[in-house]
C-alpha atoms as a PDB file:
ATOM      1  CA  GLU A   1      -6.372 -20.373   9.134  1.00  0.00           C
ATOM      2  CA  VAL A   2      -7.233 -20.629   5.434  1.00  0.00           C
ATOM      3  CA  SER A   3      -8.815 -17.175   5.405  1.00  0.00           C
ATOM      4  CA  ALA A   4      -5.688 -15.684   7.028  1.00  0.00           C
ATOM      5  CA  VAL A   5      -3.511 -17.239   4.329  1.00  0.00           C
ATOM      6  CA  VAL A   6      -5.793 -16.029   1.531  1.00  0.00           C
ATOM      7  CA  CYS A   7      -5.937 -12.494   2.971  1.00  0.00           C
ATOM      8  CA  SER A   8      -2.161 -12.412   3.523  1.00  0.00           C
ATOM      9  CA  VAL A   9      -1.397 -13.531  -0.014  1.00  0.00           C
ATOM     10  CA  ALA A  10      -3.930 -11.120  -1.548  1.00  0.00           C
ATOM     11  CA  LEU A  11      -2.569  -8.220   0.506  1.00  0.00           C
ATOM     12  CA  ALA A  12       1.026  -9.190  -0.324  1.00  0.00           C
ATOM     13  CA  VAL A  13       0.297  -9.237  -4.059  1.00  0.00           C
ATOM     14  CA  ALA A  14      -1.474  -5.876  -3.881  1.00  0.00           C
ATOM     15  CA  ALA A  15       1.362  -4.330  -1.845  1.00  0.00           C
ATOM     16  CA  MET A  16       3.921  -5.644  -4.314  1.00  0.00           C
ATOM     17  CA  VAL A  17       1.987  -4.315  -7.306  1.00  0.00           C
ATOM     18  CA  SER A  18       1.709  -0.963  -5.550  1.00  0.00           C
ATOM     19  CA  GLY A  19       5.268  -0.878  -4.222  1.00  0.00           C
ATOM     20  CA  VAL A  20       7.397  -1.874  -7.218  1.00  0.00           C
ATOM     21  CA  PRO A  21       6.618   1.156  -9.431  1.00  0.00           C
ATOM     22  CA  LYS A  22       7.102   3.493  -6.478  1.00  0.00           C
ATOM     23  CA  ALA A  23      10.417   1.930  -5.477  1.00  0.00           C
ATOM     24  CA  LEU A  24      11.598   2.149  -9.103  1.00  0.00           C
ATOM     25  CA  LEU A  25      10.064   5.619  -9.687  1.00  0.00           C
ATOM     26  CA  GLN A  26       8.190   4.399 -12.727  1.00  0.00           C
ATOM     27  CA  GLY A  27       4.717   4.550 -14.180  1.00  0.00           C
ATOM     28  CA  MET A  28       1.533   6.233 -13.073  1.00  0.00           C
ATOM     29  CA  PRO A  29       2.105   6.046  -9.294  1.00  0.00           C
ATOM     30  CA  TRP A  30       5.395   7.945  -9.584  1.00  0.00           C
ATOM     31  CA  ALA A  31       3.981  10.543 -12.001  1.00  0.00           C
ATOM     32  CA  PHE A  32       0.872  11.002  -9.855  1.00  0.00           C
ATOM     33  CA  LEU A  33       2.764  11.446  -6.598  1.00  0.00           C
ATOM     34  CA  ARG A  34       5.422  13.665  -8.174  1.00  0.00           C
ATOM     35  CA  ASN A  35       2.690  15.927  -9.552  1.00  0.00           C
ATOM     36  CA  ARG A  36       1.226  16.109  -6.050  1.00  0.00           C
ATOM     37  CA  GLY A  37       4.509  17.401  -4.644  1.00  0.00           C
ATOM     38  CA  MET A  38       6.141  14.268  -3.274  1.00  0.00           C
ATOM     39  CA  SER A  39       9.889  13.867  -3.654  1.00  0.00           C
ATOM     40  CA  ALA A  40      11.619  10.854  -5.172  1.00  0.00           C
ATOM     41  CA  ARG A  41      12.954   9.969  -1.722  1.00  0.00           C
ATOM     42  CA  GLN A  42       9.452   9.987  -0.203  1.00  0.00           C
ATOM     43  CA  VAL A  43       7.974   7.880  -2.996  1.00  0.00           C
ATOM     44  CA  ARG A  44      10.838   5.376  -2.859  1.00  0.00           C
ATOM     45  CA  ALA A  45      10.409   5.103   0.920  1.00  0.00           C
ATOM     46  CA  ILE A  46       6.706   4.330   0.517  1.00  0.00           C
ATOM     47  CA  GLY A  47       7.473   1.754  -2.176  1.00  0.00           C
ATOM     48  CA  ALA A  48      10.166   0.164  -0.014  1.00  0.00           C
ATOM     49  CA  GLY A  49       7.754  -0.003   2.906  1.00  0.00           C
ATOM     50  CA  GLU A  50       5.174  -1.738   0.752  1.00  0.00           C
ATOM     51  CA  LEU A  51       7.763  -4.246  -0.450  1.00  0.00           C
ATOM     52  CA  ILE A  52       8.970  -4.882   3.100  1.00  0.00           C
ATOM     53  CA  GLY A  53       5.323  -5.476   4.015  1.00  0.00           C
ATOM     54  CA  THR A  54       5.049  -7.970   1.167  1.00  0.00           C
ATOM     55  CA  VAL A  55       8.031  -9.956   2.402  1.00  0.00           C
ATOM     56  CA  GLY A  56       6.804  -9.763   5.992  1.00  0.00           C
ATOM     57  CA  LEU A  57       3.414 -11.143   5.030  1.00  0.00           C
ATOM     58  CA  MET A  58       5.022 -14.097   3.262  1.00  0.00           C
ATOM     59  CA  VAL A  59       7.317 -14.778   6.229  1.00  0.00           C
ATOM     60  CA  GLY A  60       4.235 -14.440   8.415  1.00  0.00           C
ATOM     61  CA  LEU A  61       2.742 -17.515   6.782  1.00  0.00           C
ATOM     62  CA  PHE A  62       5.386 -19.477   8.698  1.00  0.00           C
ATOM     63  CA  TRP A  63       6.082 -17.169  11.660  1.00  0.00           C
ATOM     64  CA  ARG A  64       2.959 -15.305  12.751  1.00  0.00           C
ATOM     65  CA  PRO A  65       4.660 -12.309  14.485  1.00  0.00           C
ATOM     66  CA  ALA A  66       6.237 -11.246  11.172  1.00  0.00           C
ATOM     67  CA  GLY A  67       2.842 -11.339   9.475  1.00  0.00           C
ATOM     68  CA  VAL A  68       1.233  -9.264  12.219  1.00  0.00           C
ATOM     69  CA  ALA A  69       4.037  -6.685  12.046  1.00  0.00           C
ATOM     70  CA  ALA A  70       3.815  -6.561   8.249  1.00  0.00           C
ATOM     71  CA  ALA A  71       0.048  -6.094   8.333  1.00  0.00           C
ATOM     72  CA  ALA A  72       0.480  -3.262  10.848  1.00  0.00           C
ATOM     73  CA  LEU A  73       3.091  -1.604   8.613  1.00  0.00           C
ATOM     74  CA  LEU A  74       0.802  -1.861   5.596  1.00  0.00           C
ATOM     75  CA  LEU A  75      -2.143  -0.545   7.604  1.00  0.00           C
ATOM     76  CA  ILE A  76      -0.066   2.534   8.438  1.00  0.00           C
ATOM     77  CA  LEU A  77       1.061   2.989   4.821  1.00  0.00           C
ATOM     78  CA  PHE A  78      -2.360   2.468   3.249  1.00  0.00           C
ATOM     79  CA  GLY A  79      -4.022   4.499   5.995  1.00  0.00           C
ATOM     80  CA  GLY A  80      -1.606   7.314   5.174  1.00  0.00           C
ATOM     81  CA  ALA A  81      -2.588   7.004   1.524  1.00  0.00           C
ATOM     82  CA  VAL A  82      -6.260   7.343   2.488  1.00  0.00           C
ATOM     83  CA  VAL A  83      -5.459  10.530   4.418  1.00  0.00           C
ATOM     84  CA  PHE A  84      -3.472  11.791   1.407  1.00  0.00           C
ATOM     85  CA  HIS A  85      -6.461  11.199  -0.895  1.00  0.00           C
ATOM     86  CA  VAL A  86      -8.857  12.838   1.573  1.00  0.00           C
ATOM     87  CA  ARG A  87      -6.640  15.933   1.791  1.00  0.00           C
ATOM     88  CA  HIS A  88      -6.580  16.196  -1.987  1.00  0.00           C
ATOM     89  CA  GLY A  89     -10.352  15.765  -2.295  1.00  0.00           C
ATOM     90  CA  ASP A  90     -10.050  12.621  -4.393  1.00  0.00           C
ATOM     91  CA  TYR A  91     -13.087  10.883  -2.915  1.00  0.00           C
ATOM     92  CA  GLY A  92     -15.261  13.763  -4.078  1.00  0.00           C
ATOM     93  CA  ASN A  93     -13.704  13.852  -7.556  1.00  0.00           C
ATOM     94  CA  PRO A  94     -15.350  11.365  -9.959  1.00  0.00           C
ATOM     95  CA  ASP A  95     -12.116  11.054 -11.965  1.00  0.00           C
ATOM     96  CA  MET A  96     -10.046  10.154  -8.888  1.00  0.00           C
ATOM     97  CA  ARG A  97     -12.563   8.264  -6.779  1.00  0.00           C
ATOM     98  CA  THR A  98     -11.835   4.793  -8.157  1.00  0.00           C
ATOM     99  CA  PRO A  99      -8.026   4.936  -7.766  1.00  0.00           C
ATOM    100  CA  ALA A 100      -8.468   6.490  -4.311  1.00  0.00           C
ATOM    101  CA  LEU A 101     -10.608   3.552  -3.167  1.00  0.00           C
ATOM    102  CA  ALA A 102      -7.764   1.030  -3.607  1.00  0.00           C
ATOM    103  CA  PRO A 103      -5.744   2.122  -0.541  1.00  0.00           C
ATOM    104  CA  LEU A 104      -8.968   2.289   1.487  1.00  0.00           C
ATOM    105  CA  ALA A 105      -9.772  -1.324   0.585  1.00  0.00           C
ATOM    106  CA  LEU A 106      -6.186  -2.398   1.287  1.00  0.00           C
ATOM    107  CA  ALA A 107      -6.190  -0.636   4.659  1.00  0.00           C
ATOM    108  CA  VAL A 108      -9.336  -2.568   5.578  1.00  0.00           C
ATOM    109  CA  LEU A 109      -7.747  -5.818   4.356  1.00  0.00           C
ATOM    110  CA  SER A 110      -4.667  -5.039   6.479  1.00  0.00           C
ATOM    111  CA  LEU A 111      -6.887  -5.014   9.560  1.00  0.00           C
END
């Protein structure tokens, strides 16, 4: 039980930190994704999904089905980010490897 709470809170914080700049189209995440050809609508949708996942994880502390659904949503989003980084060769690029590892770690945490 304690480990589930700790993992949920850690994942929620990470999803919020990742989602806010995307939802607001600000900072490095927006610039990075825009330069990789993503539209404002796509980036905002990803950010909104991450924020919905954050709320779902917090609700899930009191109602387990919401937490499970939120974790599944975040697994899909972060898994998609891993695929995105693979397609762009980021794991083989020393300059991009570290930022590309974050969604991989968060996808694993979502499991």
